[in-house]
Amino acid sequence: MSKSIESKDVVGPDINLDRTVVLDKDGSRITERRARVIAREVVNSVGRPSLTAPATHSPEVKARVPKKLKVALEKEAKRRGQTPSALLRQVLEEFFARS
C-alpha cells in the first residue's frame, strides 16, 4: 500500500527503471543509471559549499554577543549586500592580516 507524503509525492514499491518507463518533467526517460547519477548529484550538493576545499568540511565558529552588536552586524551586512557570516569572515581575515 502506498503512503502519501505530500499531495504530489507517493511512496510505493521499488521499480526497475530499465523495464518501466518513467519520464522526468522534460519528457526524458529516467533509467537506473541516470537515477544513480541524479542521486549522487543530490547527495553531493547537500549543504553549503565548502570554504576550505571541495568536498571538505568547513569548520564553524560560534560566539555569543550582545543583542546590540548582532543587530549592528546584520544592519551593516545588509547595507553592504552581504550575509552576516560573509562580513564576519571578512572582518576576521582583515584583523589577522594586520597582526
PDB file of N, CA and C in Angstrom:
ATOM      1  N   MET A   1       0.833  -1.176   0.000  1.00  0.00           N
ATOM      2  CA  MET A   1       0.000   0.000   0.000  1.00  0.00           C
ATOM      3  C   MET A   1       0.881   1.243   0.000  1.00  0.00           C
ATOM      4  N   SER A   2       0.563   2.225  -0.829  1.00  0.00           N
ATOM      5  CA  SER A   2       1.346   3.450  -0.930  1.00  0.00           C
ATOM      6  C   SER A   2       1.043   4.374   0.231  1.00  0.00           C
ATOM      7  N   LYS A   3       2.068   5.108   0.652  1.00  0.00           N
ATOM      8  CA  LYS A   3       1.908   6.082   1.728  1.00  0.00           C
ATOM      9  C   LYS A   3       2.097   7.460   1.132  1.00  0.00           C
ATOM     10  N   SER A   4       1.153   8.349   1.329  1.00  0.00           N
ATOM     11  CA  SER A   4       1.234   9.697   0.785  1.00  0.00           C
ATOM     12  C   SER A   4       2.095  10.570   1.685  1.00  0.00           C
ATOM     13  N   ILE A   5       3.105  11.206   1.114  1.00  0.00           N
ATOM     14  CA  ILE A   5       3.984  12.096   1.864  1.00  0.00           C
ATOM     15  C   ILE A   5       3.510  13.537   1.685  1.00  0.00           C
ATOM     16  N   GLU A   6       3.326  13.950   0.474  1.00  0.00           N
ATOM     17  CA  GLU A   6       2.789  15.253   0.127  1.00  0.00           C
ATOM     18  C   GLU A   6       1.719  14.999  -0.910  1.00  0.00           C
ATOM     19  N   SER A   7       0.984  16.010  -1.260  1.00  0.00           N
ATOM     20  CA  SER A   7      -0.109  15.808  -2.196  1.00  0.00           C
ATOM     21  C   SER A   7       0.358  15.246  -3.535  1.00  0.00           C
ATOM     22  N   LYS A   8       1.582  15.532  -3.937  1.00  0.00           N
ATOM     23  CA  LYS A   8       2.048  15.054  -5.238  1.00  0.00           C
ATOM     24  C   LYS A   8       3.064  13.921  -5.151  1.00  0.00           C
ATOM     25  N   ASP A   9       3.550  13.578  -3.958  1.00  0.00           N
ATOM     26  CA  ASP A   9       4.560  12.548  -3.796  1.00  0.00           C
ATOM     27  C   ASP A   9       3.950  11.310  -3.157  1.00  0.00           C
ATOM     28  N   VAL A  10       4.211  10.157  -3.745  1.00  0.00           N
ATOM     29  CA  VAL A  10       3.699   8.900  -3.211  1.00  0.00           C
ATOM     30  C   VAL A  10       4.852   7.911  -3.110  1.00  0.00           C
ATOM     31  N   VAL A  11       4.949   7.243  -1.972  1.00  0.00           N
ATOM     32  CA  VAL A  11       5.970   6.221  -1.778  1.00  0.00           C
ATOM     33  C   VAL A  11       5.316   4.880  -2.038  1.00  0.00           C
ATOM     34  N   GLY A  12       5.930   4.080  -2.870  1.00  0.00           N
ATOM     35  CA  GLY A  12       5.382   2.767  -3.180  1.00  0.00           C
ATOM     36  C   GLY A  12       6.508   1.779  -3.343  1.00  0.00           C
ATOM     37  N   PRO A  13       6.233   0.652  -3.957  1.00  0.00           N
ATOM     38  CA  PRO A  13       7.289  -0.354  -4.144  1.00  0.00           C
ATOM     39  C   PRO A  13       8.339   0.140  -5.125  1.00  0.00           C
ATOM     40  N   ASP A  14       9.556  -0.370  -4.968  1.00  0.00           N
ATOM     41  CA  ASP A  14      10.629  -0.035  -5.910  1.00  0.00           C
ATOM     42  C   ASP A  14      10.284  -0.574  -7.293  1.00  0.00           C
ATOM     43  N   ILE A  15      10.769   0.118  -8.305  1.00  0.00           N
ATOM     44  CA  ILE A  15      10.562  -0.346  -9.675  1.00  0.00           C
ATOM     45  C   ILE A  15      11.907  -0.424 -10.369  1.00  0.00           C
ATOM     46  N   ASN A  16      11.974  -1.219 -11.407  1.00  0.00           N
ATOM     47  CA  ASN A  16      13.178  -1.319 -12.218  1.00  0.00           C
ATOM     48  C   ASN A  16      13.033  -0.293 -13.336  1.00  0.00           C
ATOM     49  N   LEU A  17      13.824   0.764 -13.279  1.00  0.00           N
ATOM     50  CA  LEU A  17      13.704   1.853 -14.252  1.00  0.00           C
ATOM     51  C   LEU A  17      14.168   1.461 -15.651  1.00  0.00           C
ATOM     52  N   ASP A  18      14.852   0.320 -15.777  1.00  0.00           N
ATOM     53  CA  ASP A  18      15.234  -0.149 -17.111  1.00  0.00           C
ATOM     54  C   ASP A  18      14.086  -0.915 -17.765  1.00  0.00           C
ATOM     55  N   ARG A  19      13.123  -1.373 -16.967  1.00  0.00           N
ATOM     56  CA  ARG A  19      11.955  -2.080 -17.505  1.00  0.00           C
ATOM     57  C   ARG A  19      10.722  -1.182 -17.568  1.00  0.00           C
ATOM     58  N   THR A  20      10.575  -0.309 -16.588  1.00  0.00           N
ATOM     59  CA  THR A  20       9.412   0.567 -16.517  1.00  0.00           C
ATOM     60  C   THR A  20       9.799   1.944 -17.034  1.00  0.00           C
ATOM     61  N   VAL A  21       9.012   2.483 -17.928  1.00  0.00           N
ATOM     62  CA  VAL A  21       9.305   3.798 -18.498  1.00  0.00           C
ATOM     63  C   VAL A  21       8.807   4.877 -17.536  1.00  0.00           C
ATOM     64  N   VAL A  22       9.742   5.681 -17.047  1.00  0.00           N
ATOM     65  CA  VAL A  22       9.438   6.822 -16.185  1.00  0.00           C
ATOM     66  C   VAL A  22      10.103   8.027 -16.816  1.00  0.00           C
ATOM     67  N   LEU A  23       9.329   9.096 -16.990  1.00  0.00           N
ATOM     68  CA  LEU A  23       9.843  10.304 -17.632  1.00  0.00           C
ATOM     69  C   LEU A  23       9.971  11.422 -16.615  1.00  0.00           C
ATOM     70  N   ASP A  24      10.991  12.272 -16.797  1.00  0.00           N
ATOM     71  CA  ASP A  24      11.115  13.452 -15.940  1.00  0.00           C
ATOM     72  C   ASP A  24      10.209  14.552 -16.484  1.00  0.00           C
ATOM     73  N   LYS A  25      10.227  15.723 -15.853  1.00  0.00           N
ATOM     74  CA  LYS A  25       9.311  16.800 -16.261  1.00  0.00           C
ATOM     75  C   LYS A  25       9.581  17.296 -17.677  1.00  0.00           C
ATOM     76  N   ASP A  26      10.784  17.044 -18.196  1.00  0.00           N
ATOM     77  CA  ASP A  26      11.120  17.455 -19.566  1.00  0.00           C
ATOM     78  C   ASP A  26      10.810  16.364 -20.586  1.00  0.00           C
ATOM     79  N   GLY A  27      10.315  15.225 -20.116  1.00  0.00           N
ATOM     80  CA  GLY A  27       9.984  14.130 -21.024  1.00  0.00           C
ATOM     81  C   GLY A  27      11.134  13.188 -21.300  1.00  0.00           C
ATOM     82  N   SER A  28      12.276  13.369 -20.625  1.00  0.00           N
ATOM     83  CA  SER A  28      13.423  12.473 -20.808  1.00  0.00           C
ATOM     84  C   SER A  28      13.256  11.244 -19.912  1.00  0.00           C
ATOM     85  N   ARG A  29      13.639  10.086 -20.418  1.00  0.00           N
ATOM     86  CA  ARG A  29      13.498   8.850 -19.666  1.00  0.00           C
ATOM     87  C   ARG A  29      14.516   8.778 -18.541  1.00  0.00           C
ATOM     88  N   ILE A  30      14.059   8.296 -17.394  1.00  0.00           N
ATOM     89  CA  ILE A  30      14.936   8.070 -16.249  1.00  0.00           C
ATOM     90  C   ILE A  30      15.226   6.581 -16.191  1.00  0.00           C
ATOM     91  N   THR A  31      16.482   6.214 -16.407  1.00  0.00           N
ATOM     92  CA  THR A  31      16.932   4.824 -16.332  1.00  0.00           C
ATOM     93  C   THR A  31      17.571   4.590 -14.970  1.00  0.00           C
ATOM     94  N   GLU A  32      17.884   3.338 -14.675  1.00  0.00           N
ATOM     95  CA  GLU A  32      18.574   3.024 -13.415  1.00  0.00           C
ATOM     96  C   GLU A  32      19.887   3.795 -13.318  1.00  0.00           C
ATOM     97  N   ARG A  33      20.645   3.831 -14.417  1.00  0.00           N
ATOM     98  CA  ARG A  33      21.936   4.537 -14.440  1.00  0.00           C
ATOM     99  C   ARG A  33      21.741   6.025 -14.181  1.00  0.00           C
ATOM    100  N   ARG A  34      20.764   6.612 -14.875  1.00  0.00           N
ATOM    101  CA  ARG A  34      20.507   8.045 -14.700  1.00  0.00           C
ATOM    102  C   ARG A  34      20.032   8.336 -13.273  1.00  0.00           C
ATOM    103  N   ALA A  35      19.235   7.454 -12.706  1.00  0.00           N
ATOM    104  CA  ALA A  35      18.760   7.639 -11.330  1.00  0.00           C
ATOM    105  C   ALA A  35      19.929   7.633 -10.352  1.00  0.00           C
ATOM    106  N   ARG A  36      20.915   6.747 -10.581  1.00  0.00           N
ATOM    107  CA  ARG A  36      22.108   6.716  -9.714  1.00  0.00           C
ATOM    108  C   ARG A  36      22.897   8.021  -9.827  1.00  0.00           C
ATOM    109  N   VAL A  37      23.039   8.546 -11.058  1.00  0.00           N
ATOM    110  CA  VAL A  37      23.758   9.810 -11.277  1.00  0.00           C
ATOM    111  C   VAL A  37      23.026  10.952 -10.569  1.00  0.00           C
ATOM    112  N   ILE A  38      21.711  11.010 -10.731  1.00  0.00           N
ATOM    113  CA  ILE A  38      20.911  12.061 -10.079  1.00  0.00           C
ATOM    114  C   ILE A  38      21.058  11.965  -8.566  1.00  0.00           C
ATOM    115  N   ALA A  39      20.961  10.749  -8.023  1.00  0.00           N
ATOM    116  CA  ALA A  39      21.081  10.555  -6.577  1.00  0.00           C
ATOM    117  C   ALA A  39      22.443  11.007  -6.072  1.00  0.00           C
ATOM    118  N   ARG A  40      23.509  10.669  -6.812  1.00  0.00           N
ATOM    119  CA  ARG A  40      24.861  11.069  -6.412  1.00  0.00           C
ATOM    120  C   ARG A  40      24.988  12.592  -6.419  1.00  0.00           C
ATOM    121  N   GLU A  41      24.426  13.251  -7.429  1.00  0.00           N
ATOM    122  CA  GLU A  41      24.471  14.710  -7.503  1.00  0.00           C
ATOM    123  C   GLU A  41      23.747  15.347  -6.323  1.00  0.00           C
ATOM    124  N   VAL A  42      22.607  14.789  -5.965  1.00  0.00           N
ATOM    125  CA  VAL A  42      21.835  15.328  -4.845  1.00  0.00           C
ATOM    126  C   VAL A  42      22.602  15.160  -3.541  1.00  0.00           C
ATOM    127  N   VAL A  43      23.152  13.981  -3.320  1.00  0.00           N
ATOM    128  CA  VAL A  43      23.907  13.731  -2.093  1.00  0.00           C
ATOM    129  C   VAL A  43      25.117  14.657  -2.008  1.00  0.00           C
ATOM    130  N   ASN A  44      25.801  14.867  -3.110  1.00  0.00           N
ATOM    131  CA  ASN A  44      26.999  15.716  -3.109  1.00  0.00           C
ATOM    132  C   ASN A  44      26.686  17.196  -3.034  1.00  0.00           C
ATOM    133  N   SER A  45      25.446  17.585  -3.307  1.00  0.00           N
ATOM    134  CA  SER A  45      25.126  19.006  -3.303  1.00  0.00           C
ATOM    135  C   SER A  45      24.411  19.452  -2.030  1.00  0.00           C
ATOM    136  N   VAL A  46      24.227  18.552  -1.087  1.00  0.00           N
ATOM    137  CA  VAL A  46      23.544  18.898   0.147  1.00  0.00           C
ATOM    138  C   VAL A  46      24.432  19.824   0.977  1.00  0.00           C
ATOM    139  N   GLY A  47      23.849  20.867   1.495  1.00  0.00           N
ATOM    140  CA  GLY A  47      24.581  21.798   2.340  1.00  0.00           C
ATOM    141  C   GLY A  47      25.231  22.916   1.553  1.00  0.00           C
ATOM    142  N   ARG A  48      25.935  23.726   2.248  1.00  0.00           N
ATOM    143  CA  ARG A  48      26.595  24.874   1.635  1.00  0.00           C
ATOM    144  C   ARG A  48      27.948  24.467   1.070  1.00  0.00           C
ATOM    145  N   PRO A  49      28.425  25.215   0.072  1.00  0.00           N
ATOM    146  CA  PRO A  49      29.740  24.876  -0.472  1.00  0.00           C
ATOM    147  C   PRO A  49      30.838  25.078   0.577  1.00  0.00           C
ATOM    148  N   SER A  50      31.845  24.262   0.504  1.00  0.00           N
ATOM    149  CA  SER A  50      32.950  24.337   1.452  1.00  0.00           C
ATOM    150  C   SER A  50      33.756  25.611   1.227  1.00  0.00           C
ATOM    151  N   LEU A  51      34.171  26.227   2.312  1.00  0.00           N
ATOM    152  CA  LEU A  51      35.056  27.394   2.247  1.00  0.00           C
ATOM    153  C   LEU A  51      36.516  26.966   2.355  1.00  0.00           C
ATOM    154  N   THR A  52      36.727  25.700   2.698  1.00  0.00           N
ATOM    155  CA  THR A  52      38.067  25.171   2.897  1.00  0.00           C
ATOM    156  C   THR A  52      38.636  24.605   1.607  1.00  0.00           C
ATOM    157  N   ALA A  53      37.941  23.640   1.034  1.00  0.00           N
ATOM    158  CA  ALA A  53      38.335  22.985  -0.216  1.00  0.00           C
ATOM    159  C   ALA A  53      37.158  22.146  -0.677  1.00  0.00           C
ATOM    160  N   PRO A  54      37.095  21.817  -1.957  1.00  0.00           N
ATOM    161  CA  PRO A  54      35.983  20.980  -2.432  1.00  0.00           C
ATOM    162  C   PRO A  54      35.882  19.679  -1.635  1.00  0.00           C
ATOM    163  N   ALA A  55      34.668  19.303  -1.303  1.00  0.00           N
ATOM    164  CA  ALA A  55      34.372  18.061  -0.571  1.00  0.00           C
ATOM    165  C   ALA A  55      35.040  18.014   0.799  1.00  0.00           C
ATOM    166  N   THR A  56      35.332  19.171   1.381  1.00  0.00           N
ATOM    167  CA  THR A  56      35.950  19.259   2.707  1.00  0.00           C
ATOM    168  C   THR A  56      35.048  20.083   3.614  1.00  0.00           C
ATOM    169  N   HIS A  57      34.854  19.597   4.818  1.00  0.00           N
ATOM    170  CA  HIS A  57      34.007  20.300   5.791  1.00  0.00           C
ATOM    171  C   HIS A  57      34.677  21.605   6.221  1.00  0.00           C
ATOM    172  N   SER A  58      33.932  22.697   6.207  1.00  0.00           N
ATOM    173  CA  SER A  58      34.436  23.974   6.718  1.00  0.00           C
ATOM    174  C   SER A  58      34.090  24.076   8.195  1.00  0.00           C
ATOM    175  N   PRO A  59      35.073  24.317   9.044  1.00  0.00           N
ATOM    176  CA  PRO A  59      34.793  24.446  10.475  1.00  0.00           C
ATOM    177  C   PRO A  59      33.853  25.618  10.745  1.00  0.00           C
ATOM    178  N   GLU A  60      33.149  25.524  11.840  1.00  0.00           N
ATOM    179  CA  GLU A  60      32.201  26.568  12.222  1.00  0.00           C
ATOM    180  C   GLU A  60      32.686  27.221  13.513  1.00  0.00           C
ATOM    181  N   VAL A  61      32.523  28.539  13.603  1.00  0.00           N
ATOM    182  CA  VAL A  61      32.888  29.289  14.799  1.00  0.00           C
ATOM    183  C   VAL A  61      31.617  29.918  15.342  1.00  0.00           C
ATOM    184  N   LYS A  62      31.386  29.748  16.640  1.00  0.00           N
ATOM    185  CA  LYS A  62      30.208  30.344  17.267  1.00  0.00           C
ATOM    186  C   LYS A  62      30.664  31.244  18.403  1.00  0.00           C
ATOM    187  N   ALA A  63      29.947  32.342  18.592  1.00  0.00           N
ATOM    188  CA  ALA A  63      30.251  33.243  19.697  1.00  0.00           C
ATOM    189  C   ALA A  63      28.972  33.929  20.139  1.00  0.00           C
ATOM    190  N   ARG A  64      28.837  34.121  21.413  1.00  0.00           N
ATOM    191  CA  ARG A  64      27.693  34.871  21.933  1.00  0.00           C
ATOM    192  C   ARG A  64      28.090  36.340  21.961  1.00  0.00           C
ATOM    193  N   VAL A  65      27.153  37.181  21.524  1.00  0.00           N
ATOM    194  CA  VAL A  65      27.395  38.627  21.501  1.00  0.00           C
ATOM    195  C   VAL A  65      26.177  39.340  22.058  1.00  0.00           C
ATOM    196  N   PRO A  66      26.357  40.582  22.525  1.00  0.00           N
ATOM    197  CA  PRO A  66      25.198  41.349  22.971  1.00  0.00           C
ATOM    198  C   PRO A  66      24.252  41.596  21.780  1.00  0.00           C
ATOM    199  N   LYS A  67      22.968  41.695  22.077  1.00  0.00           N
ATOM    200  CA  LYS A  67      21.960  41.893  21.040  1.00  0.00           C
ATOM    201  C   LYS A  67      22.283  43.114  20.178  1.00  0.00           C
ATOM    202  N   LYS A  68      22.761  44.180  20.799  1.00  0.00           N
ATOM    203  CA  LYS A  68      23.083  45.413  20.083  1.00  0.00           C
ATOM    204  C   LYS A  68      24.149  45.160  19.001  1.00  0.00           C
ATOM    205  N   LEU A  69      25.138  44.342  19.327  1.00  0.00           N
ATOM    206  CA  LEU A  69      26.206  44.024  18.376  1.00  0.00           C
ATOM    207  C   LEU A  69      25.669  43.167  17.225  1.00  0.00           C
ATOM    208  N   LYS A  70      24.798  42.221  17.538  1.00  0.00           N
ATOM    209  CA  LYS A  70      24.202  41.378  16.497  1.00  0.00           C
ATOM    210  C   LYS A  70      23.360  42.212  15.544  1.00  0.00           C
ATOM    211  N   VAL A  71      22.584  43.124  16.086  1.00  0.00           N
ATOM    212  CA  VAL A  71      21.749  43.994  15.253  1.00  0.00           C
ATOM    213  C   VAL A  71      22.632  44.871  14.364  1.00  0.00           C
ATOM    214  N   ALA A  72      23.719  45.395  14.919  1.00  0.00           N
ATOM    215  CA  ALA A  72      24.645  46.226  14.144  1.00  0.00           C
ATOM    216  C   ALA A  72      25.297  45.411  13.028  1.00  0.00           C
ATOM    217  N   LEU A  73      25.688  44.179  13.323  1.00  0.00           N
ATOM    218  CA  LEU A  73      26.285  43.297  12.320  1.00  0.00           C
ATOM    219  C   LEU A  73      25.304  43.041  11.178  1.00  0.00           C
ATOM    220  N   GLU A  74      24.074  42.702  11.522  1.00  0.00           N
ATOM    221  CA  GLU A  74      23.059  42.416  10.497  1.00  0.00           C
ATOM    222  C   GLU A  74      22.767  43.655   9.649  1.00  0.00           C
ATOM    223  N   LYS A  75      22.702  44.798  10.296  1.00  0.00           N
ATOM    224  CA  LYS A  75      22.421  46.057   9.585  1.00  0.00           C
ATOM    225  C   LYS A  75      23.561  46.396   8.612  1.00  0.00           C
ATOM    226  N   GLU A  76      24.798  46.263   9.079  1.00  0.00           N
ATOM    227  CA  GLU A  76      25.952  46.569   8.228  1.00  0.00           C
ATOM    228  C   GLU A  76      26.080  45.570   7.083  1.00  0.00           C
ATOM    229  N   ALA A  77      25.835  44.305   7.370  1.00  0.00           N
ATOM    230  CA  ALA A  77      25.896  43.289   6.318  1.00  0.00           C
ATOM    231  C   ALA A  77      24.847  43.587   5.248  1.00  0.00           C
ATOM    232  N   LYS A  78      23.662  43.938   5.661  1.00  0.00           N
ATOM    233  CA  LYS A  78      22.597  44.267   4.706  1.00  0.00           C
ATOM    234  C   LYS A  78      22.982  45.491   3.878  1.00  0.00           C
ATOM    235  N   ARG A  79      23.553  46.494   4.524  1.00  0.00           N
ATOM    236  CA  ARG A  79      23.972  47.707   3.823  1.00  0.00           C
ATOM    237  C   ARG A  79      25.005  47.381   2.741  1.00  0.00           C
ATOM    238  N   ARG A  80      25.896  46.433   3.037  1.00  0.00           N
ATOM    239  CA  ARG A  80      26.944  46.051   2.082  1.00  0.00           C
ATOM    240  C   ARG A  80      26.481  44.994   1.079  1.00  0.00           C
ATOM    241  N   GLY A  81      25.269  44.466   1.257  1.00  0.00           N
ATOM    242  CA  GLY A  81      24.784  43.412   0.370  1.00  0.00           C
ATOM    243  C   GLY A  81      25.449  42.082   0.640  1.00  0.00           C
ATOM    244  N   GLN A  82      25.804  41.838   1.905  1.00  0.00           N
ATOM    245  CA  GLN A  82      26.469  40.599   2.304  1.00  0.00           C
ATOM    246  C   GLN A  82      25.628  39.892   3.355  1.00  0.00           C
ATOM    247  N   THR A  83      25.982  38.656   3.629  1.00  0.00           N
ATOM    248  CA  THR A  83      25.384  37.967   4.767  1.00  0.00           C
ATOM    249  C   THR A  83      26.206  38.321   6.002  1.00  0.00           C
ATOM    250  N   PRO A  84      25.625  38.206   7.185  1.00  0.00           N
ATOM    251  CA  PRO A  84      26.420  38.434   8.397  1.00  0.00           C
ATOM    252  C   PRO A  84      27.646  37.515   8.459  1.00  0.00           C
ATOM    253  N   SER A  85      27.512  36.260   8.015  1.00  0.00           N
ATOM    254  CA  SER A  85      28.654  35.331   8.024  1.00  0.00           C
ATOM    255  C   SER A  85      29.785  35.820   7.128  1.00  0.00           C
ATOM    256  N   ALA A  86      29.436  36.287   5.930  1.00  0.00           N
ATOM    257  CA  ALA A  86      30.458  36.782   4.996  1.00  0.00           C
ATOM    258  C   ALA A  86      31.161  37.998   5.573  1.00  0.00           C
ATOM    259  N   LEU A  87      30.407  38.890   6.198  1.00  0.00           N
ATOM    260  CA  LEU A  87      31.016  40.087   6.797  1.00  0.00           C
ATOM    261  C   LEU A  87      31.933  39.693   7.953  1.00  0.00           C
ATOM    262  N   LEU A  88      31.512  38.757   8.776  1.00  0.00           N
ATOM    263  CA  LEU A  88      32.372  38.296   9.878  1.00  0.00           C
ATOM    264  C   LEU A  88      33.663  37.687   9.358  1.00  0.00           C
ATOM    265  N   ARG A  89      33.573  36.854   8.308  1.00  0.00           N
ATOM    266  CA  ARG A  89      34.791  36.270   7.727  1.00  0.00           C
ATOM    267  C   ARG A  89      35.725  37.369   7.240  1.00  0.00           C
ATOM    268  N   GLN A  90      35.161  38.372   6.562  1.00  0.00           N
ATOM    269  CA  GLN A  90      35.966  39.477   6.041  1.00  0.00           C
ATOM    270  C   GLN A  90      36.659  40.231   7.173  1.00  0.00           C
ATOM    271  N   VAL A  91      35.912  40.536   8.220  1.00  0.00           N
ATOM    272  CA  VAL A  91      36.479  41.270   9.357  1.00  0.00           C
ATOM    273  C   VAL A  91      37.589  40.454  10.017  1.00  0.00           C
ATOM    274  N   LEU A  92      37.360  39.155  10.203  1.00  0.00           N
ATOM    275  CA  LEU A  92      38.393  38.312  10.816  1.00  0.00           C
ATOM    276  C   LEU A  92      39.631  38.203   9.930  1.00  0.00           C
ATOM    277  N   GLU A  93      39.435  38.041   8.629  1.00  0.00           N
ATOM    278  CA  GLU A  93      40.581  37.961   7.712  1.00  0.00           C
ATOM    279  C   GLU A  93      41.387  39.254   7.740  1.00  0.00           C
ATOM    280  N   GLU A  94      40.714  40.395   7.731  1.00  0.00           N
ATOM    281  CA  GLU A  94      41.417  41.695   7.773  1.00  0.00           C
ATOM    282  C   GLU A  94      42.153  41.856   9.108  1.00  0.00           C
ATOM    283  N   PHE A  95      41.531  41.444  10.212  1.00  0.00           N
ATOM    284  CA  PHE A  95      42.159  41.552  11.536  1.00  0.00           C
ATOM    285  C   PHE A  95      43.445  40.735  11.575  1.00  0.00           C
ATOM    286  N   PHE A  96      43.385  39.472  11.117  1.00  0.00           N
ATOM    287  CA  PHE A  96      44.573  38.617  11.174  1.00  0.00           C
ATOM    288  C   PHE A  96      45.611  39.004  10.145  1.00  0.00           C
ATOM    289  N   ALA A  97      45.215  39.628   9.062  1.00  0.00           N
ATOM    290  CA  ALA A  97      46.188  40.107   8.060  1.00  0.00           C
ATOM    291  C   ALA A  97      47.029  41.243   8.638  1.00  0.00           C
ATOM    292  N   ARG A  98      46.433  42.038   9.531  1.00  0.00           N
ATOM    293  CA  ARG A  98      47.156  43.162  10.161  1.00  0.00           C
ATOM    294  C   ARG A  98      48.048  42.698  11.295  1.00  0.00           C
ATOM    295  N   SER A  99      47.760  41.522  11.869  1.00  0.00           N
ATOM    296  CA  SER A  99      48.505  41.030  13.034  1.00  0.00           C
ATOM    297  C   SER A  99      49.884  40.529  12.646  1.00  0.00           C
TER     298      SER A  99
END
